[in-house]
N, C-alpha and C. Protein backbone atom coordinates (compact mmCIF):
# COMPACT_ATOMS: atom_id res chain seq x y z
N MET A 1 118.92 74.06 150.00
CA MET A 1 117.89 75.03 149.64
C MET A 1 117.12 74.54 148.42
N THR A 2 117.79 73.99 147.41
CA THR A 2 117.08 73.58 146.21
C THR A 2 116.21 72.35 146.44
N ASP A 3 116.45 71.60 147.54
CA ASP A 3 115.61 70.44 147.82
C ASP A 3 114.18 70.84 148.11
N VAL A 4 113.96 72.04 148.66
CA VAL A 4 112.62 72.47 149.02
C VAL A 4 112.03 73.46 148.03
N VAL A 5 112.78 73.79 147.00
CA VAL A 5 112.34 74.79 146.04
C VAL A 5 111.88 74.09 144.77
N SER A 6 110.62 74.35 144.39
CA SER A 6 110.10 73.67 143.21
C SER A 6 109.99 74.57 141.99
N ASN A 7 110.04 75.89 142.17
CA ASN A 7 109.96 76.78 141.02
C ASN A 7 110.65 78.10 141.35
N ALA A 8 110.73 78.99 140.37
CA ALA A 8 111.44 80.26 140.54
C ALA A 8 110.84 81.11 141.65
N LYS A 9 109.52 81.19 141.74
CA LYS A 9 108.88 82.00 142.78
C LYS A 9 109.21 81.45 144.17
N ASP A 10 109.21 80.11 144.31
CA ASP A 10 109.57 79.51 145.59
C ASP A 10 111.02 79.84 145.94
N PHE A 11 111.91 79.77 144.96
CA PHE A 11 113.32 80.11 145.20
C PHE A 11 113.45 81.56 145.63
N GLN A 12 112.77 82.45 144.92
CA GLN A 12 112.84 83.87 145.26
C GLN A 12 112.39 84.11 146.69
N SER A 13 111.29 83.50 147.09
CA SER A 13 110.80 83.65 148.46
C SER A 13 111.79 83.08 149.46
N ALA A 14 112.34 81.90 149.15
CA ALA A 14 113.27 81.24 150.06
C ALA A 14 114.56 82.05 150.23
N ILE A 15 115.10 82.56 149.14
CA ILE A 15 116.37 83.30 149.26
C ILE A 15 116.15 84.64 149.97
N MET A 16 115.01 85.29 149.75
CA MET A 16 114.74 86.54 150.45
C MET A 16 114.54 86.30 151.95
N GLU A 17 113.88 85.20 152.30
CA GLU A 17 113.71 84.84 153.71
C GLU A 17 115.06 84.52 154.34
N PHE A 18 115.90 83.78 153.62
CA PHE A 18 117.24 83.46 154.11
C PHE A 18 118.04 84.75 154.34
N GLU A 19 117.98 85.65 153.38
CA GLU A 19 118.71 86.91 153.49
C GLU A 19 118.19 87.74 154.68
N LYS A 20 116.89 87.73 154.89
CA LYS A 20 116.31 88.45 156.03
C LYS A 20 116.84 87.89 157.34
N ARG A 21 116.94 86.57 157.42
CA ARG A 21 117.49 85.95 158.63
C ARG A 21 118.95 86.36 158.84
N LEU A 22 119.71 86.42 157.74
CA LEU A 22 121.09 86.88 157.85
C LEU A 22 121.14 88.32 158.35
N ASP A 23 120.26 89.17 157.80
CA ASP A 23 120.21 90.58 158.21
C ASP A 23 119.81 90.73 159.67
N ASP A 24 118.96 89.80 160.16
CA ASP A 24 118.52 89.86 161.55
C ASP A 24 119.65 89.48 162.51
N GLU A 25 120.62 88.72 162.03
CA GLU A 25 121.79 88.37 162.84
C GLU A 25 122.70 89.58 162.92
N GLU A 26 123.76 89.47 163.69
CA GLU A 26 124.71 90.57 163.76
C GLU A 26 125.27 90.84 162.37
N SER A 27 125.56 92.11 162.06
CA SER A 27 126.07 92.48 160.74
C SER A 27 127.58 92.32 160.66
N SER A 28 128.18 91.64 161.62
CA SER A 28 129.61 91.40 161.57
C SER A 28 129.91 89.96 161.94
N VAL A 29 131.07 89.50 161.54
CA VAL A 29 131.52 88.15 161.83
C VAL A 29 132.79 88.27 162.65
N LYS A 30 132.75 87.76 163.89
CA LYS A 30 133.89 87.83 164.80
C LYS A 30 134.45 89.25 164.88
N GLY A 31 133.56 90.23 164.97
CA GLY A 31 133.99 91.60 165.15
C GLY A 31 134.43 92.33 163.90
N LYS A 32 134.36 91.68 162.75
CA LYS A 32 134.76 92.33 161.50
C LYS A 32 133.53 92.65 160.68
N ALA A 33 133.49 93.83 160.09
CA ALA A 33 132.39 94.22 159.22
C ALA A 33 132.44 93.40 157.93
N LEU A 34 131.27 93.15 157.35
CA LEU A 34 131.20 92.37 156.11
C LEU A 34 132.04 93.01 155.01
N ASP A 35 132.04 94.35 154.94
CA ASP A 35 132.84 95.04 153.92
C ASP A 35 134.33 94.76 154.09
N ASP A 36 134.76 94.54 155.34
CA ASP A 36 136.17 94.21 155.57
C ASP A 36 136.47 92.77 155.20
N LEU A 37 135.49 91.87 155.42
CA LEU A 37 135.69 90.46 155.09
C LEU A 37 135.60 90.21 153.59
N CYS A 38 134.73 90.96 152.91
CA CYS A 38 134.49 90.79 151.48
C CYS A 38 134.68 92.13 150.77
N PRO A 39 135.93 92.59 150.65
CA PRO A 39 136.14 93.90 150.02
C PRO A 39 135.74 93.89 148.54
N VAL A 40 135.19 95.01 148.12
CA VAL A 40 134.77 95.20 146.73
C VAL A 40 135.62 96.31 146.12
N THR A 41 136.11 96.08 144.90
CA THR A 41 136.83 97.14 144.18
C THR A 41 136.00 97.54 142.97
N HIS A 42 136.16 98.80 142.56
CA HIS A 42 135.40 99.36 141.45
C HIS A 42 136.39 99.95 140.45
N GLU A 43 136.21 99.56 139.18
CA GLU A 43 137.04 100.11 138.11
C GLU A 43 136.13 100.57 136.98
N TYR A 44 136.60 101.59 136.27
CA TYR A 44 135.79 102.19 135.20
C TYR A 44 136.63 102.25 133.94
N GLY A 45 136.01 101.85 132.82
CA GLY A 45 136.65 101.95 131.52
C GLY A 45 135.76 102.78 130.62
N ASP A 46 136.12 102.86 129.35
CA ASP A 46 135.30 103.58 128.39
C ASP A 46 134.00 102.80 128.18
N GLY A 47 132.94 103.30 128.80
CA GLY A 47 131.63 102.67 128.63
C GLY A 47 131.41 101.41 129.46
N CYS A 48 132.26 101.15 130.46
CA CYS A 48 132.04 99.96 131.28
C CYS A 48 132.44 100.18 132.73
N TYR A 49 131.85 99.36 133.57
CA TYR A 49 132.13 99.35 135.00
C TYR A 49 132.45 97.92 135.39
N ILE A 50 133.53 97.73 136.14
CA ILE A 50 133.93 96.40 136.59
C ILE A 50 133.90 96.38 138.11
N ARG A 51 133.15 95.43 138.65
CA ARG A 51 133.00 95.27 140.10
C ARG A 51 133.64 93.94 140.47
N THR A 52 134.58 93.96 141.42
CA THR A 52 135.27 92.75 141.84
C THR A 52 135.14 92.59 143.35
N ILE A 53 134.76 91.40 143.78
CA ILE A 53 134.61 91.11 145.20
C ILE A 53 135.52 89.94 145.58
N PHE A 54 136.14 90.06 146.74
CA PHE A 54 136.89 88.97 147.35
C PHE A 54 135.98 88.32 148.38
N MET A 55 135.83 87.00 148.32
CA MET A 55 135.00 86.27 149.27
C MET A 55 135.85 85.18 149.91
N PRO A 56 136.04 85.24 151.24
CA PRO A 56 136.88 84.25 151.89
C PRO A 56 136.21 82.89 152.06
N LYS A 57 137.03 81.87 152.11
CA LYS A 57 136.57 80.49 152.32
C LYS A 57 135.65 80.44 153.54
N GLY A 58 134.56 79.70 153.39
CA GLY A 58 133.63 79.49 154.49
C GLY A 58 132.45 80.44 154.53
N MET A 59 132.51 81.53 153.75
CA MET A 59 131.41 82.50 153.75
C MET A 59 130.17 81.90 153.08
N LEU A 60 129.02 82.32 153.57
CA LEU A 60 127.73 82.00 152.96
C LEU A 60 127.06 83.34 152.79
N LEU A 61 126.81 83.74 151.53
CA LEU A 61 126.27 85.07 151.28
C LEU A 61 125.35 85.06 150.07
N THR A 62 124.60 86.15 149.95
CA THR A 62 123.70 86.30 148.81
C THR A 62 124.16 87.46 147.95
N SER A 63 123.83 87.37 146.67
CA SER A 63 124.12 88.47 145.76
C SER A 63 122.93 89.42 145.73
N LYS A 64 123.10 90.49 145.02
CA LYS A 64 122.00 91.42 144.78
C LYS A 64 121.13 90.84 143.66
N ILE A 65 120.01 91.46 143.39
CA ILE A 65 119.14 91.06 142.28
C ILE A 65 119.60 91.84 141.06
N HIS A 66 119.99 91.13 140.03
CA HIS A 66 120.55 91.76 138.84
C HIS A 66 119.45 92.14 137.84
N LYS A 67 119.55 93.36 137.31
CA LYS A 67 118.55 93.87 136.35
C LYS A 67 118.91 93.55 134.90
N VAL A 68 120.19 93.49 134.59
CA VAL A 68 120.60 93.41 133.19
C VAL A 68 121.51 92.22 132.92
N LEU A 69 121.45 91.74 131.70
CA LEU A 69 122.33 90.67 131.23
C LEU A 69 123.77 91.18 131.24
N HIS A 70 124.67 90.44 131.89
CA HIS A 70 126.07 90.85 131.93
C HIS A 70 126.98 89.65 132.21
N PRO A 71 128.25 89.75 131.80
CA PRO A 71 129.18 88.66 132.06
C PRO A 71 129.75 88.73 133.48
N TYR A 72 130.13 87.56 133.98
CA TYR A 72 130.86 87.49 135.24
C TYR A 72 132.02 86.50 135.08
N PHE A 73 133.03 86.70 135.92
CA PHE A 73 134.24 85.90 135.85
C PHE A 73 134.67 85.52 137.26
N VAL A 74 134.90 84.25 137.50
CA VAL A 74 135.49 83.80 138.76
C VAL A 74 136.96 83.60 138.46
N MET A 75 137.76 84.50 139.01
CA MET A 75 139.19 84.54 138.69
C MET A 75 140.02 83.62 139.58
N LYS A 76 139.50 83.35 140.78
CA LYS A 76 140.22 82.53 141.75
C LYS A 76 139.20 81.82 142.62
N GLY A 77 139.49 80.59 143.00
CA GLY A 77 138.71 79.91 144.01
C GLY A 77 137.65 78.96 143.52
N LYS A 78 136.79 78.57 144.47
CA LYS A 78 135.76 77.57 144.21
C LYS A 78 134.58 77.87 145.12
N CYS A 79 133.36 77.72 144.57
CA CYS A 79 132.17 77.97 145.36
C CYS A 79 131.00 77.15 144.83
N THR A 80 130.02 76.97 145.68
CA THR A 80 128.76 76.35 145.28
C THR A 80 127.73 77.47 145.19
N VAL A 81 127.02 77.52 144.07
CA VAL A 81 126.08 78.60 143.80
C VAL A 81 124.68 78.00 143.62
N PHE A 82 123.73 78.59 144.33
CA PHE A 82 122.33 78.18 144.23
C PHE A 82 121.54 79.30 143.59
N THR A 83 120.76 78.96 142.56
CA THR A 83 119.84 79.90 141.92
C THR A 83 118.53 79.15 141.68
N GLU A 84 117.57 79.84 141.06
CA GLU A 84 116.31 79.17 140.73
C GLU A 84 116.51 78.03 139.75
N ASN A 85 117.67 77.97 139.11
CA ASN A 85 117.98 76.88 138.17
C ASN A 85 118.65 75.70 138.85
N GLY A 86 118.87 75.79 140.17
CA GLY A 86 119.47 74.69 140.90
C GLY A 86 120.83 75.04 141.47
N LYS A 87 121.62 73.99 141.68
CA LYS A 87 122.93 74.10 142.34
C LYS A 87 124.02 73.88 141.30
N GLU A 88 125.08 74.71 141.39
CA GLU A 88 126.20 74.60 140.46
C GLU A 88 127.49 74.82 141.23
N GLU A 89 128.47 73.96 141.00
CA GLU A 89 129.79 74.18 141.59
C GLU A 89 130.64 74.90 140.55
N ILE A 90 131.24 76.01 140.96
CA ILE A 90 132.04 76.83 140.07
C ILE A 90 133.48 76.86 140.58
N GLU A 91 134.40 76.63 139.68
CA GLU A 91 135.82 76.68 140.04
C GLU A 91 136.56 77.52 139.01
N ALA A 92 137.43 78.40 139.52
CA ALA A 92 138.21 79.27 138.64
C ALA A 92 139.20 78.45 137.82
N PRO A 93 139.51 78.92 136.64
CA PRO A 93 138.92 80.08 135.96
C PRO A 93 137.56 79.71 135.36
N PHE A 94 136.62 80.64 135.45
CA PHE A 94 135.26 80.39 134.99
C PHE A 94 134.66 81.70 134.50
N ARG A 95 133.83 81.60 133.46
CA ARG A 95 133.08 82.76 133.00
C ARG A 95 131.65 82.33 132.74
N GLY A 96 130.73 83.26 132.96
CA GLY A 96 129.33 82.97 132.73
C GLY A 96 128.58 84.25 132.44
N MET A 97 127.29 84.10 132.18
CA MET A 97 126.41 85.25 131.92
C MET A 97 125.32 85.26 132.98
N THR A 98 125.10 86.43 133.54
CA THR A 98 124.03 86.62 134.52
C THR A 98 122.81 87.16 133.80
N LYS A 99 121.69 86.47 133.95
CA LYS A 99 120.43 86.91 133.33
C LYS A 99 119.70 87.86 134.26
N PRO A 100 118.90 88.75 133.71
CA PRO A 100 118.08 89.64 134.54
C PRO A 100 117.21 88.83 135.50
N GLY A 101 117.09 89.33 136.72
CA GLY A 101 116.28 88.65 137.73
C GLY A 101 117.06 87.65 138.56
N THR A 102 118.35 87.46 138.27
CA THR A 102 119.16 86.49 139.01
C THR A 102 119.55 87.03 140.38
N LYS A 103 119.41 86.18 141.37
CA LYS A 103 119.93 86.41 142.73
C LYS A 103 120.53 85.08 143.16
N ARG A 104 121.74 85.12 143.71
CA ARG A 104 122.44 83.89 144.05
C ARG A 104 122.66 83.74 145.55
N LEU A 105 122.65 82.51 146.00
CA LEU A 105 123.15 82.14 147.32
C LEU A 105 124.49 81.45 147.05
N ILE A 106 125.55 81.95 147.68
CA ILE A 106 126.90 81.46 147.38
C ILE A 106 127.54 80.91 148.66
N HIS A 107 128.03 79.67 148.58
CA HIS A 107 128.81 79.08 149.65
C HIS A 107 130.25 78.99 149.12
N VAL A 108 131.15 79.73 149.76
CA VAL A 108 132.53 79.83 149.29
C VAL A 108 133.34 78.65 149.85
N LEU A 109 133.82 77.79 148.95
CA LEU A 109 134.58 76.60 149.34
C LEU A 109 136.08 76.88 149.43
N GLU A 110 136.56 77.80 148.61
CA GLU A 110 137.95 78.28 148.63
C GLU A 110 137.88 79.78 148.40
N ASP A 111 138.84 80.54 148.96
CA ASP A 111 138.86 81.98 148.72
C ASP A 111 138.55 82.28 147.26
N CYS A 112 137.62 83.19 147.01
CA CYS A 112 137.19 83.50 145.64
C CYS A 112 137.40 84.97 145.30
N ILE A 113 137.70 85.20 144.04
CA ILE A 113 137.66 86.54 143.45
C ILE A 113 136.68 86.46 142.29
N TRP A 114 135.61 87.25 142.36
CA TRP A 114 134.49 87.22 141.41
C TRP A 114 134.33 88.62 140.84
N SER A 115 134.34 88.74 139.52
CA SER A 115 134.19 90.04 138.86
C SER A 115 132.98 90.04 137.95
N THR A 116 132.30 91.19 137.90
CA THR A 116 131.21 91.40 136.94
C THR A 116 131.56 92.60 136.08
N VAL A 117 131.08 92.59 134.85
CA VAL A 117 131.33 93.70 133.92
C VAL A 117 129.98 94.21 133.44
N HIS A 118 129.81 95.53 133.51
CA HIS A 118 128.54 96.16 133.15
C HIS A 118 128.76 97.28 132.14
N VAL A 119 127.93 97.30 131.10
CA VAL A 119 127.97 98.38 130.13
C VAL A 119 127.24 99.58 130.73
N THR A 120 127.92 100.70 130.84
CA THR A 120 127.31 101.93 131.36
C THR A 120 128.19 103.12 131.01
N LYS A 121 127.54 104.24 130.87
CA LYS A 121 128.28 105.49 130.67
C LYS A 121 128.48 106.20 132.00
N GLU A 122 127.79 105.72 133.03
CA GLU A 122 127.88 106.32 134.36
C GLU A 122 129.23 106.04 135.01
N THR A 123 129.64 106.96 135.88
CA THR A 123 130.87 106.76 136.65
C THR A 123 130.61 106.95 138.15
N GLU A 124 129.38 107.29 138.51
CA GLU A 124 129.02 107.41 139.91
C GLU A 124 128.36 106.11 140.37
N LEU A 125 128.92 105.51 141.42
CA LEU A 125 128.49 104.20 141.88
C LEU A 125 126.99 104.13 142.19
N ASP A 126 126.45 105.14 142.84
CA ASP A 126 125.01 105.14 143.17
C ASP A 126 124.16 105.06 141.91
N LYS A 127 124.53 105.81 140.88
CA LYS A 127 123.78 105.80 139.62
C LYS A 127 123.94 104.47 138.89
N ILE A 128 125.14 103.90 138.94
CA ILE A 128 125.38 102.60 138.30
C ILE A 128 124.52 101.54 138.98
N GLU A 129 124.52 101.51 140.30
CA GLU A 129 123.73 100.51 141.02
C GLU A 129 122.24 100.67 140.74
N GLU A 130 121.79 101.89 140.57
CA GLU A 130 120.39 102.12 140.21
C GLU A 130 120.07 101.50 138.85
N GLU A 131 121.04 101.54 137.93
CA GLU A 131 120.87 100.96 136.59
C GLU A 131 120.88 99.44 136.61
N ILE A 132 121.74 98.84 137.43
CA ILE A 132 122.02 97.40 137.29
C ILE A 132 121.44 96.53 138.39
N ILE A 133 121.00 97.11 139.51
CA ILE A 133 120.54 96.32 140.64
C ILE A 133 119.09 96.66 140.98
N ALA A 134 118.29 95.61 141.15
CA ALA A 134 116.89 95.78 141.54
C ALA A 134 116.77 95.61 143.06
N LYS A 135 115.84 96.32 143.65
CA LYS A 135 115.60 96.18 145.08
C LYS A 135 114.71 94.98 145.39
N THR A 136 113.84 94.64 144.43
CA THR A 136 112.93 93.50 144.59
C THR A 136 112.86 92.74 143.28
N PHE A 137 112.39 91.51 143.36
CA PHE A 137 112.20 90.72 142.14
C PHE A 137 111.11 91.33 141.26
N ASP A 138 110.14 92.00 141.87
CA ASP A 138 109.06 92.62 141.10
C ASP A 138 109.57 93.70 140.15
N GLU A 139 110.70 94.32 140.50
CA GLU A 139 111.30 95.33 139.61
C GLU A 139 111.90 94.71 138.37
N CYS A 140 112.11 93.42 138.40
CA CYS A 140 112.85 92.77 137.33
C CYS A 140 112.20 91.45 136.96
N LEU A 141 111.01 91.53 136.44
CA LEU A 141 110.29 90.33 136.03
C LEU A 141 110.76 89.90 134.64
N PRO A 142 111.09 88.62 134.47
CA PRO A 142 111.50 88.18 133.14
C PRO A 142 110.34 88.26 132.15
N LEU A 143 110.62 88.80 131.01
CA LEU A 143 109.64 88.89 129.92
C LEU A 143 110.22 88.18 128.71
N GLN A 144 109.39 87.55 127.91
CA GLN A 144 109.86 86.90 126.71
C GLN A 144 109.59 87.82 125.51
N ASP A 145 110.63 88.13 124.73
CA ASP A 145 110.40 88.87 123.50
C ASP A 145 110.36 87.89 122.34
N GLU A 146 110.26 88.39 121.15
CA GLU A 146 110.11 87.51 119.99
C GLU A 146 111.32 86.61 119.76
N LYS A 147 112.45 86.94 120.33
CA LYS A 147 113.65 86.12 120.16
C LYS A 147 113.91 85.23 121.37
N GLU A 148 112.94 85.16 122.30
CA GLU A 148 113.06 84.34 123.49
C GLU A 148 114.21 84.77 124.40
N LYS A 149 114.53 86.06 124.42
CA LYS A 149 115.55 86.58 125.31
C LYS A 149 114.87 87.12 126.55
N LEU A 150 115.57 87.08 127.68
CA LEU A 150 115.03 87.64 128.90
C LEU A 150 115.30 89.13 128.93
N LEU A 151 114.28 89.90 129.19
CA LEU A 151 114.40 91.34 129.32
C LEU A 151 113.90 91.75 130.69
N CYS A 152 114.35 92.88 131.15
CA CYS A 152 113.98 93.37 132.47
C CYS A 152 113.13 94.63 132.34
N HIS A 153 112.12 94.77 133.18
CA HIS A 153 111.31 95.99 133.18
C HIS A 153 112.20 97.22 133.26
N GLY A 154 111.89 98.20 132.50
CA GLY A 154 112.61 99.46 132.57
C GLY A 154 113.93 99.48 131.83
N GLN A 155 114.30 98.41 131.20
CA GLN A 155 115.59 98.37 130.51
C GLN A 155 115.40 98.27 129.01
């Protein structure tokens, strides 16, 4: 994918087109729903929400578009991740920071457990997702402030 992508806008278009093709295919793999293949758990702490997903070896999937800066942790496994910044191989244990506007294409090389941590006072999943996930890249355009940090519209 990164061989044909020359800039962030090209990557965004390419990953959305790829995701559309995935959506056009059957929503299950060998008769199993995606939620069964990649279960997600939700935990809540004082002022935080932790989302953990299990991704089995061989899966090729995309993430959501992230609105806010937050940490992520790969607790188990190995995967190749494509973003507008290129290709990166990640192997557990690993920690990183997700910038606003990030959407990933992930090829799972070994069973993975991936967790994200989000600052929020909300405890209802729908409200949390509204805070942290954008429906389109236009909802989350990177802006430069005086400290050269990435900020997201509405945040």
